[in-house]
Structure formats: structure tokens, C-alpha cells
Amino acid sequence: MLFDEFLQNYQGLQKNMRILEVGCCYGYNLTYLCEKYDLEGYGIEPSKEAVDYGNDVIKKDKNKRNTTAPPPC
């Protein structure tokens, strides 16, 4: 993941920083980054279906990370 590699090299990254992902689809990448780097994430997505799907996945996997490949957005 290119963005993940960028964040690893970003010296100013700190716990609880806020990030915004525009066009986050179902939030898979945003969730991954927030969990890995202990960030506070916000996403903007115009597709109601993608948002609904993402919310369902988060509710089902609240205490464990979803390791299955997400559907294309």
C-alpha cells in the first residue's frame, strides 16, 4: 500500500492525529490506517451503498480485523 509506506516515513505522525480520506468507499483503508497507527479517521463517500456496507462490516468485526478481501468500490 503506497499511502501506508508514505505514512511510515512521515516524521510528524503522532498517536490520535486526525486524518481525512475523501472518497473512502467502504472505509477499509481508513480503518486499517487508524488501527495500525492509532489515528482518528474521518471519511467522505458519496455512495450510500458503500457507506452502508462499511458500517455493516465495522459492526460485525468490532473486536477483530476483517482479513477478507473487500469488494471493489
PDB file of N, CA and C in Angstrom:
ATOM      1  N   MET A   1       0.859  -1.180   0.000  1.00  0.00           N
ATOM      2  CA  MET A   1       0.000   0.000   0.000  1.00  0.00           C
ATOM      3  C   MET A   1       0.901   1.237   0.000  1.00  0.00           C
ATOM      4  N   LEU A   2       0.854   2.000  -1.032  1.00  0.00           N
ATOM      5  CA  LEU A   2       1.723   3.156  -1.196  1.00  0.00           C
ATOM      6  C   LEU A   2       1.502   4.203  -0.113  1.00  0.00           C
ATOM      7  N   PHE A   3       0.245   4.493   0.220  1.00  0.00           N
ATOM      8  CA  PHE A   3      -0.049   5.501   1.230  1.00  0.00           C
ATOM      9  C   PHE A   3       0.473   5.073   2.597  1.00  0.00           C
ATOM     10  N   ASP A   4       0.367   3.785   2.888  1.00  0.00           N
ATOM     11  CA  ASP A   4       0.881   3.248   4.147  1.00  0.00           C
ATOM     12  C   ASP A   4       2.393   3.459   4.235  1.00  0.00           C
ATOM     13  N   GLU A   5       3.102   3.224   3.141  1.00  0.00           N
ATOM     14  CA  GLU A   5       4.545   3.445   3.117  1.00  0.00           C
ATOM     15  C   GLU A   5       4.877   4.922   3.328  1.00  0.00           C
ATOM     16  N   PHE A   6       4.084   5.797   2.733  1.00  0.00           N
ATOM     17  CA  PHE A   6       4.281   7.234   2.924  1.00  0.00           C
ATOM     18  C   PHE A   6       4.118   7.595   4.401  1.00  0.00           C
ATOM     19  N   LEU A   7       3.082   7.077   5.029  1.00  0.00           N
ATOM     20  CA  LEU A   7       2.844   7.400   6.437  1.00  0.00           C
ATOM     21  C   LEU A   7       3.947   6.869   7.345  1.00  0.00           C
ATOM     22  N   GLN A   8       4.508   5.721   7.009  1.00  0.00           N
ATOM     23  CA  GLN A   8       5.595   5.176   7.820  1.00  0.00           C
ATOM     24  C   GLN A   8       6.800   6.111   7.834  1.00  0.00           C
ATOM     25  N   ASN A   9       7.011   6.824   6.737  1.00  0.00           N
ATOM     26  CA  ASN A   9       8.160   7.723   6.632  1.00  0.00           C
ATOM     27  C   ASN A   9       7.838   9.158   7.063  1.00  0.00           C
ATOM     28  N   TYR A  10       6.597   9.437   7.375  1.00  0.00           N
ATOM     29  CA  TYR A  10       6.199  10.783   7.774  1.00  0.00           C
ATOM     30  C   TYR A  10       6.582  11.009   9.228  1.00  0.00           C
ATOM     31  N   GLN A  11       7.507  11.903   9.473  1.00  0.00           N
ATOM     32  CA  GLN A  11       8.059  12.100  10.810  1.00  0.00           C
ATOM     33  C   GLN A  11       7.077  12.726  11.794  1.00  0.00           C
ATOM     34  N   GLY A  12       6.086  13.460  11.299  1.00  0.00           N
ATOM     35  CA  GLY A  12       5.169  14.154  12.187  1.00  0.00           C
ATOM     36  C   GLY A  12       3.969  13.337  12.635  1.00  0.00           C
ATOM     37  N   LEU A  13       3.909  12.076  12.235  1.00  0.00           N
ATOM     38  CA  LEU A  13       2.767  11.233  12.578  1.00  0.00           C
ATOM     39  C   LEU A  13       2.768  10.931  14.074  1.00  0.00           C
ATOM     40  N   GLN A  14       1.640  11.238  14.739  1.00  0.00           N
ATOM     41  CA  GLN A  14       1.542  11.041  16.177  1.00  0.00           C
ATOM     42  C   GLN A  14       0.230  10.353  16.515  1.00  0.00           C
ATOM     43  N   LYS A  15       0.237   9.650  17.619  1.00  0.00           N
ATOM     44  CA  LYS A  15      -0.956   8.972  18.116  1.00  0.00           C
ATOM     45  C   LYS A  15      -2.111   9.977  18.235  1.00  0.00           C
ATOM     46  N   ASN A  16      -3.298   9.542  17.862  1.00  0.00           N
ATOM     47  CA  ASN A  16      -4.539  10.324  17.934  1.00  0.00           C
ATOM     48  C   ASN A  16      -4.621  11.476  16.929  1.00  0.00           C
ATOM     49  N   MET A  17      -3.702  11.534  15.961  1.00  0.00           N
ATOM     50  CA  MET A  17      -3.833  12.542  14.902  1.00  0.00           C
ATOM     51  C   MET A  17      -5.108  12.250  14.123  1.00  0.00           C
ATOM     52  N   ARG A  18      -5.672  13.276  13.541  1.00  0.00           N
ATOM     53  CA  ARG A  18      -6.872  13.118  12.724  1.00  0.00           C
ATOM     54  C   ARG A  18      -6.483  13.090  11.249  1.00  0.00           C
ATOM     55  N   ILE A  19      -7.114  12.163  10.501  1.00  0.00           N
ATOM     56  CA  ILE A  19      -6.898  12.102   9.063  1.00  0.00           C
ATOM     57  C   ILE A  19      -8.256  12.084   8.365  1.00  0.00           C
ATOM     58  N   LEU A  20      -8.266  12.570   7.141  1.00  0.00           N
ATOM     59  CA  LEU A  20      -9.472  12.622   6.326  1.00  0.00           C
ATOM     60  C   LEU A  20      -9.195  11.901   5.013  1.00  0.00           C
ATOM     61  N   GLU A  21     -10.054  10.956   4.667  1.00  0.00           N
ATOM     62  CA  GLU A  21      -9.953  10.289   3.374  1.00  0.00           C
ATOM     63  C   GLU A  21     -11.183  10.657   2.553  1.00  0.00           C
ATOM     64  N   VAL A  22     -10.957  11.332   1.448  1.00  0.00           N
ATOM     65  CA  VAL A  22     -12.039  11.733   0.551  1.00  0.00           C
ATOM     66  C   VAL A  22     -12.218  10.618  -0.475  1.00  0.00           C
ATOM     67  N   GLY A  23     -13.456  10.140  -0.603  1.00  0.00           N
ATOM     68  CA  GLY A  23     -13.729   9.020  -1.483  1.00  0.00           C
ATOM     69  C   GLY A  23     -13.286   7.713  -0.851  1.00  0.00           C
ATOM     70  N   CYS A  24     -13.643   7.509   0.393  1.00  0.00           N
ATOM     71  CA  CYS A  24     -13.147   6.370   1.176  1.00  0.00           C
ATOM     72  C   CYS A  24     -13.869   5.057   0.886  1.00  0.00           C
ATOM     73  N   CYS A  25     -14.878   5.094   0.033  1.00  0.00           N
ATOM     74  CA  CYS A  25     -15.641   3.900  -0.314  1.00  0.00           C
ATOM     75  C   CYS A  25     -16.226   3.292   0.963  1.00  0.00           C
ATOM     76  N   TYR A  26     -15.898   2.067   1.291  1.00  0.00           N
ATOM     77  CA  TYR A  26     -16.463   1.410   2.478  1.00  0.00           C
ATOM     78  C   TYR A  26     -15.579   1.580   3.696  1.00  0.00           C
ATOM     79  N   GLY A  27     -14.495   2.336   3.599  1.00  0.00           N
ATOM     80  CA  GLY A  27     -13.659   2.668   4.743  1.00  0.00           C
ATOM     81  C   GLY A  27     -12.605   1.646   5.104  1.00  0.00           C
ATOM     82  N   TYR A  28     -12.349   0.672   4.224  1.00  0.00           N
ATOM     83  CA  TYR A  28     -11.386  -0.386   4.535  1.00  0.00           C
ATOM     84  C   TYR A  28      -9.985   0.182   4.793  1.00  0.00           C
ATOM     85  N   ASN A  29      -9.481   1.009   3.881  1.00  0.00           N
ATOM     86  CA  ASN A  29      -8.137   1.575   4.052  1.00  0.00           C
ATOM     87  C   ASN A  29      -8.073   2.526   5.237  1.00  0.00           C
ATOM     88  N   LEU A  30      -9.104   3.323   5.418  1.00  0.00           N
ATOM     89  CA  LEU A  30      -9.146   4.266   6.534  1.00  0.00           C
ATOM     90  C   LEU A  30      -9.125   3.521   7.870  1.00  0.00           C
ATOM     91  N   THR A  31      -9.911   2.459   7.968  1.00  0.00           N
ATOM     92  CA  THR A  31      -9.940   1.649   9.186  1.00  0.00           C
ATOM     93  C   THR A  31      -8.580   1.026   9.447  1.00  0.00           C
ATOM     94  N   TYR A  32      -7.964   0.499   8.394  1.00  0.00           N
ATOM     95  CA  TYR A  32      -6.644  -0.115   8.520  1.00  0.00           C
ATOM     96  C   TYR A  32      -5.619   0.884   9.067  1.00  0.00           C
ATOM     97  N   LEU A  33      -5.579   2.071   8.481  1.00  0.00           N
ATOM     98  CA  LEU A  33      -4.613   3.084   8.913  1.00  0.00           C
ATOM     99  C   LEU A  33      -4.863   3.529  10.344  1.00  0.00           C
ATOM    100  N   CYS A  34      -6.129   3.704  10.702  1.00  0.00           N
ATOM    101  CA  CYS A  34      -6.453   4.141  12.066  1.00  0.00           C
ATOM    102  C   CYS A  34      -6.045   3.097  13.097  1.00  0.00           C
ATOM    103  N   GLU A  35      -6.285   1.834  12.772  1.00  0.00           N
ATOM    104  CA  GLU A  35      -5.904   0.771  13.699  1.00  0.00           C
ATOM    105  C   GLU A  35      -4.382   0.637  13.806  1.00  0.00           C
ATOM    106  N   LYS A  36      -3.707   0.685  12.674  1.00  0.00           N
ATOM    107  CA  LYS A  36      -2.258   0.467  12.666  1.00  0.00           C
ATOM    108  C   LYS A  36      -1.491   1.601  13.341  1.00  0.00           C
ATOM    109  N   TYR A  37      -1.914   2.842  13.114  1.00  0.00           N
ATOM    110  CA  TYR A  37      -1.174   3.996  13.620  1.00  0.00           C
ATOM    111  C   TYR A  37      -1.876   4.711  14.771  1.00  0.00           C
ATOM    112  N   ASP A  38      -2.970   4.149  15.270  1.00  0.00           N
ATOM    113  CA  ASP A  38      -3.727   4.738  16.375  1.00  0.00           C
ATOM    114  C   ASP A  38      -4.139   6.176  16.049  1.00  0.00           C
ATOM    115  N   LEU A  39      -4.801   6.332  14.894  1.00  0.00           N
ATOM    116  CA  LEU A  39      -5.245   7.634  14.412  1.00  0.00           C
ATOM    117  C   LEU A  39      -6.761   7.763  14.551  1.00  0.00           C
ATOM    118  N   GLU A  40      -7.236   8.982  14.449  1.00  0.00           N
ATOM    119  CA  GLU A  40      -8.668   9.268  14.429  1.00  0.00           C
ATOM    120  C   GLU A  40      -9.025   9.598  12.978  1.00  0.00           C
ATOM    121  N   GLY A  41      -9.837   8.755  12.350  1.00  0.00           N
ATOM    122  CA  GLY A  41     -10.097   8.916  10.931  1.00  0.00           C
ATOM    123  C   GLY A  41     -11.510   9.341  10.602  1.00  0.00           C
ATOM    124  N   TYR A  42     -11.621  10.102   9.538  1.00  0.00           N
ATOM    125  CA  TYR A  42     -12.904  10.555   9.012  1.00  0.00           C
ATOM    126  C   TYR A  42     -12.909  10.292   7.518  1.00  0.00           C
ATOM    127  N   GLY A  43     -14.039   9.853   7.000  1.00  0.00           N
ATOM    128  CA  GLY A  43     -14.141   9.575   5.587  1.00  0.00           C
ATOM    129  C   GLY A  43     -15.337  10.261   4.971  1.00  0.00           C
ATOM    130  N   ILE A  44     -15.184  10.633   3.724  1.00  0.00           N
ATOM    131  CA  ILE A  44     -16.270  11.229   2.950  1.00  0.00           C
ATOM    132  C   ILE A  44     -16.508  10.319   1.750  1.00  0.00           C
ATOM    133  N   GLU A  45     -17.746   9.869   1.583  1.00  0.00           N
ATOM    134  CA  GLU A  45     -18.079   8.959   0.491  1.00  0.00           C
ATOM    135  C   GLU A  45     -19.482   9.273  -0.017  1.00  0.00           C
ATOM    136  N   PRO A  46     -19.619   9.570  -1.317  1.00  0.00           N
ATOM    137  CA  PRO A  46     -20.941   9.902  -1.854  1.00  0.00           C
ATOM    138  C   PRO A  46     -21.854   8.697  -2.062  1.00  0.00           C
ATOM    139  N   SER A  47     -21.292   7.474  -2.110  1.00  0.00           N
ATOM    140  CA  SER A  47     -22.112   6.286  -2.362  1.00  0.00           C
ATOM    141  C   SER A  47     -22.741   5.778  -1.068  1.00  0.00           C
ATOM    142  N   LYS A  48     -24.049   5.880  -0.968  1.00  0.00           N
ATOM    143  CA  LYS A  48     -24.757   5.389   0.216  1.00  0.00           C
ATOM    144  C   LYS A  48     -24.547   3.884   0.398  1.00  0.00           C
ATOM    145  N   GLU A  49     -24.510   3.148  -0.722  1.00  0.00           N
ATOM    146  CA  GLU A  49     -24.321   1.698  -0.650  1.00  0.00           C
ATOM    147  C   GLU A  49     -22.968   1.345  -0.035  1.00  0.00           C
ATOM    148  N   ALA A  50     -21.926   2.068  -0.431  1.00  0.00           N
ATOM    149  CA  ALA A  50     -20.592   1.817   0.116  1.00  0.00           C
ATOM    150  C   ALA A  50     -20.549   2.137   1.609  1.00  0.00           C
ATOM    151  N   VAL A  51     -21.166   3.225   2.000  1.00  0.00           N
ATOM    152  CA  VAL A  51     -21.204   3.610   3.414  1.00  0.00           C
ATOM    153  C   VAL A  51     -21.973   2.570   4.223  1.00  0.00           C
ATOM    154  N   ASP A  52     -23.121   2.128   3.716  1.00  0.00           N
ATOM    155  CA  ASP A  52     -23.910   1.115   4.416  1.00  0.00           C
ATOM    156  C   ASP A  52     -23.128  -0.186   4.571  1.00  0.00           C
ATOM    157  N   TYR A  53     -22.448  -0.607   3.489  1.00  0.00           N
ATOM    158  CA  TYR A  53     -21.652  -1.826   3.546  1.00  0.00           C
ATOM    159  C   TYR A  53     -20.531  -1.681   4.588  1.00  0.00           C
ATOM    160  N   GLY A  54     -19.830  -0.560   4.550  1.00  0.00           N
ATOM    161  CA  GLY A  54     -18.755  -0.322   5.511  1.00  0.00           C
ATOM    162  C   GLY A  54     -19.242  -0.329   6.947  1.00  0.00           C
ATOM    163  N   ASN A  55     -20.381   0.281   7.200  1.00  0.00           N
ATOM    164  CA  ASN A  55     -20.945   0.286   8.549  1.00  0.00           C
ATOM    165  C   ASN A  55     -21.307  -1.123   9.005  1.00  0.00           C
ATOM    166  N   ASP A  56     -21.835  -1.946   8.096  1.00  0.00           N
ATOM    167  CA  ASP A  56     -22.168  -3.335   8.436  1.00  0.00           C
ATOM    168  C   ASP A  56     -20.910  -4.122   8.796  1.00  0.00           C
ATOM    169  N   VAL A  57     -19.849  -3.951   8.019  1.00  0.00           N
ATOM    170  CA  VAL A  57     -18.600  -4.666   8.287  1.00  0.00           C
ATOM    171  C   VAL A  57     -18.018  -4.252   9.628  1.00  0.00           C
ATOM    172  N   ILE A  58     -18.040  -2.961   9.914  1.00  0.00           N
ATOM    173  CA  ILE A  58     -17.498  -2.471  11.181  1.00  0.00           C
ATOM    174  C   ILE A  58     -18.288  -3.035  12.364  1.00  0.00           C
ATOM    175  N   LYS A  59     -19.605  -3.082  12.246  1.00  0.00           N
ATOM    176  CA  LYS A  59     -20.427  -3.640  13.327  1.00  0.00           C
ATOM    177  C   LYS A  59     -20.134  -5.115  13.548  1.00  0.00           C
ATOM    178  N   LYS A  60     -19.963  -5.872  12.458  1.00  0.00           N
ATOM    179  CA  LYS A  60     -19.709  -7.310  12.567  1.00  0.00           C
ATOM    180  C   LYS A  60     -18.312  -7.605  13.089  1.00  0.00           C
ATOM    181  N   ASP A  61     -17.351  -6.783  12.737  1.00  0.00           N
ATOM    182  CA  ASP A  61     -15.951  -7.015  13.102  1.00  0.00           C
ATOM    183  C   ASP A  61     -15.459  -6.067  14.184  1.00  0.00           C
ATOM    184  N   LYS A  62     -16.323  -5.652  15.057  1.00  0.00           N
ATOM    185  CA  LYS A  62     -15.958  -4.635  16.043  1.00  0.00           C
ATOM    186  C   LYS A  62     -14.728  -5.019  16.869  1.00  0.00           C
ATOM    187  N   ASN A  63     -14.610  -6.296  17.210  1.00  0.00           N
ATOM    188  CA  ASN A  63     -13.499  -6.714  18.056  1.00  0.00           C
ATOM    189  C   ASN A  63     -12.422  -7.489  17.315  1.00  0.00           C
ATOM    190  N   LYS A  64     -12.523  -7.597  15.990  1.00  0.00           N
ATOM    191  CA  LYS A  64     -11.482  -8.283  15.217  1.00  0.00           C
ATOM    192  C   LYS A  64     -11.346  -7.627  13.861  1.00  0.00           C
ATOM    193  N   ARG A  65     -10.179  -7.708  13.287  1.00  0.00           N
ATOM    194  CA  ARG A  65      -9.889  -7.099  11.989  1.00  0.00           C
ATOM    195  C   ARG A  65     -10.416  -7.999  10.875  1.00  0.00           C
ATOM    196  N   ASN A  66     -11.100  -7.412   9.898  1.00  0.00           N
ATOM    197  CA  ASN A  66     -11.588  -8.154   8.754  1.00  0.00           C
ATOM    198  C   ASN A  66     -10.403  -8.434   7.831  1.00  0.00           C
ATOM    199  N   THR A  67     -10.061  -9.709   7.663  1.00  0.00           N
ATOM    200  CA  THR A  67      -8.908 -10.061   6.844  1.00  0.00           C
ATOM    201  C   THR A  67      -9.306 -10.509   5.447  1.00  0.00           C
ATOM    202  N   THR A  68     -10.585 -10.582   5.151  1.00  0.00           N
ATOM    203  CA  THR A  68     -11.009 -10.963   3.821  1.00  0.00           C
ATOM    204  C   THR A  68     -10.866  -9.785   2.878  1.00  0.00           C
ATOM    205  N   ALA A  69     -10.670 -10.070   1.627  1.00  0.00           N
ATOM    206  CA  ALA A  69     -10.542  -9.003   0.637  1.00  0.00           C
ATOM    207  C   ALA A  69     -11.882  -8.282   0.479  1.00  0.00           C
ATOM    208  N   PRO A  70     -11.872  -6.972   0.543  1.00  0.00           N
ATOM    209  CA  PRO A  70     -13.121  -6.221   0.396  1.00  0.00           C
ATOM    210  C   PRO A  70     -13.588  -6.215  -1.043  1.00  0.00           C
ATOM    211  N   PRO A  71     -14.877  -6.015  -1.267  1.00  0.00           N
ATOM    212  CA  PRO A  71     -15.374  -5.950  -2.636  1.00  0.00           C
ATOM    213  C   PRO A  71     -14.916  -4.650  -3.307  1.00  0.00           C
ATOM    214  N   PRO A  72     -14.837  -4.634  -4.618  1.00  0.00           N
ATOM    215  CA  PRO A  72     -14.442  -3.391  -5.286  1.00  0.00           C
ATOM    216  C   PRO A  72     -15.478  -2.306  -5.073  1.00  0.00           C
ATOM    217  N   CYS A  73     -15.019  -1.088  -5.021  1.00  0.00           N
ATOM    218  CA  CYS A  73     -15.936   0.030  -4.783  1.00  0.00           C
ATOM    219  C   CYS A  73     -16.263   0.718  -6.085  1.00  0.00           C
TER     220      CYS A  73
END
